[in-house]
C-alpha atoms as a PDB file:
ATOM      1  CA  MET A   1      17.280 -29.174 -11.585  1.00  0.00           C
ATOM      2  CA  ALA A   2      16.138 -27.959 -14.248  1.00  0.00           C
ATOM      3  CA  VAL A   3      16.553 -24.177 -15.760  1.00  0.00           C
ATOM      4  CA  GLU A   4      12.499 -23.862 -15.723  1.00  0.00           C
ATOM      5  CA  ASP A   5      12.589 -24.930 -11.988  1.00  0.00           C
ATOM      6  CA  TYR A   6      14.727 -21.713 -10.599  1.00  0.00           C
ATOM      7  CA  LYS A   7      11.770 -19.534 -12.661  1.00  0.00           C
ATOM      8  CA  TRP A   8       8.649 -18.063 -11.322  1.00  0.00           C
ATOM      9  CA  TYR A   9       5.424 -18.110 -12.359  1.00  0.00           C
ATOM     10  CA  TYR A  10       1.798 -16.085 -12.031  1.00  0.00           C
ATOM     11  CA  ASP A  11      -1.678 -18.202 -11.758  1.00  0.00           C
ATOM     12  CA  LEU A  12      -3.866 -16.019 -13.417  1.00  0.00           C
ATOM     13  CA  SER A  13      -6.712 -18.501 -11.817  1.00  0.00           C
ATOM     14  CA  THR A  14      -5.082 -17.933  -8.130  1.00  0.00           C
ATOM     15  CA  GLY A  15      -2.729 -14.666  -8.726  1.00  0.00           C
ATOM     16  CA  GLU A  16      -0.801 -16.723  -6.945  1.00  0.00           C
ATOM     17  CA  VAL A  17       3.376 -16.423  -7.883  1.00  0.00           C
ATOM     18  CA  SER A  18       5.379 -19.693  -7.548  1.00  0.00           C
ATOM     19  CA  GLN A  19       8.815 -21.042  -8.143  1.00  0.00           C
ATOM     20  CA  GLY A  20       8.709 -23.671 -10.691  1.00  0.00           C
ATOM     21  CA  LYS A  21       6.443 -25.252 -12.844  1.00  0.00           C
ATOM     22  CA  THR A  22       3.143 -26.496 -11.633  1.00  0.00           C
ATOM     23  CA  PRO A  23      -0.109 -28.380 -13.415  1.00  0.00           C
ATOM     24  CA  GLY A  24      -2.306 -25.947 -15.040  1.00  0.00           C
ATOM     25  CA  PHE A  25      -0.232 -24.215 -17.726  1.00  0.00           C
ATOM     26  CA  GLU A  26      -3.500 -22.710 -19.108  1.00  0.00           C
ATOM     27  CA  ASN A  27      -3.459 -20.432 -16.344  1.00  0.00           C
ATOM     28  CA  ARG A  28       0.365 -20.050 -15.858  1.00  0.00           C
ATOM     29  CA  MET A  29       2.316 -16.989 -17.003  1.00  0.00           C
ATOM     30  CA  GLY A  30       5.984 -16.708 -17.067  1.00  0.00           C
ATOM     31  CA  PRO A  31       8.269 -17.545 -16.464  1.00  0.00           C
ATOM     32  CA  TYR A  32       9.733 -15.191 -14.826  1.00  0.00           C
ATOM     33  CA  ASP A  33      13.507 -14.328 -13.599  1.00  0.00           C
ATOM     34  CA  THR A  34      12.134 -13.348 -10.160  1.00  0.00           C
ATOM     35  CA  GLU A  35       9.624 -13.575  -7.723  1.00  0.00           C
ATOM     36  CA  GLU A  36       8.928  -9.598  -7.905  1.00  0.00           C
ATOM     37  CA  GLU A  37       8.578  -9.929 -11.886  1.00  0.00           C
ATOM     38  CA  ALA A  38       6.087 -12.637 -11.863  1.00  0.00           C
ATOM     39  CA  ARG A  39       3.903 -10.330  -8.898  1.00  0.00           C
ATOM     40  CA  HIS A  40       3.492  -8.253 -12.105  1.00  0.00           C
ATOM     41  CA  ALA A  41       2.665 -10.337 -14.141  1.00  0.00           C
ATOM     42  CA  ILE A  42      -0.499  -9.053 -15.617  1.00  0.00           C
ATOM     43  CA  SER A  43       1.005  -5.025 -15.787  1.00  0.00           C
ATOM     44  CA  ILE A  44       4.219  -6.482 -17.873  1.00  0.00           C
ATOM     45  CA  ALA A  45       2.255  -8.159 -20.564  1.00  0.00           C
ATOM     46  CA  SER A  46      -0.241  -4.962 -20.756  1.00  0.00           C
ATOM     47  CA  ALA A  47       3.166  -2.711 -21.505  1.00  0.00           C
ATOM     48  CA  ARG A  48       4.399  -5.571 -24.018  1.00  0.00           C
ATOM     49  CA  THR A  49       0.761  -5.741 -25.364  1.00  0.00           C
ATOM     50  CA  HIS A  50       0.584  -1.734 -25.742  1.00  0.00           C
ATOM     51  CA  ALA A  51       3.790  -1.858 -27.359  1.00  0.00           C
ATOM     52  CA  ALA A  52       3.390  -4.444 -29.929  1.00  0.00           C
ATOM     53  CA  ASP A  53       0.243  -2.183 -30.975  1.00  0.00           C
ATOM     54  CA  ARG A  54       2.023   0.929 -31.656  1.00  0.00           C
ATOM     55  CA  TRP A  55       4.683  -0.964 -33.279  1.00  0.00           C
ATOM     56  CA  ASP A  56       2.083  -2.604 -35.949  1.00  0.00           C
ATOM     57  CA  GLU A  57      -0.286   1.161 -35.954  1.00  0.00           C
ATOM     58  CA  GLU A  58       3.449   2.476 -37.178  1.00  0.00           C
ATOM     59  CA  GLU A  59       3.803  -0.930 -39.975  1.00  0.00           C
ATOM     60  CA  ASP A  60       0.555  -0.162 -41.174  1.00  0.00           C
END
């Protein structure tokens, strides 16, 4: 099995979490190492976006 088969993904269209890649990459966030991380995909992405925005503002 490939490493991706053991990773976790969050499906934006359904809000469900699954292990292993599933069809529909345009609605999939991940990979995440744990199911718990995948369940918090939206908040993780939001925190990363805010951190990047702060970094951009400091660079300007």
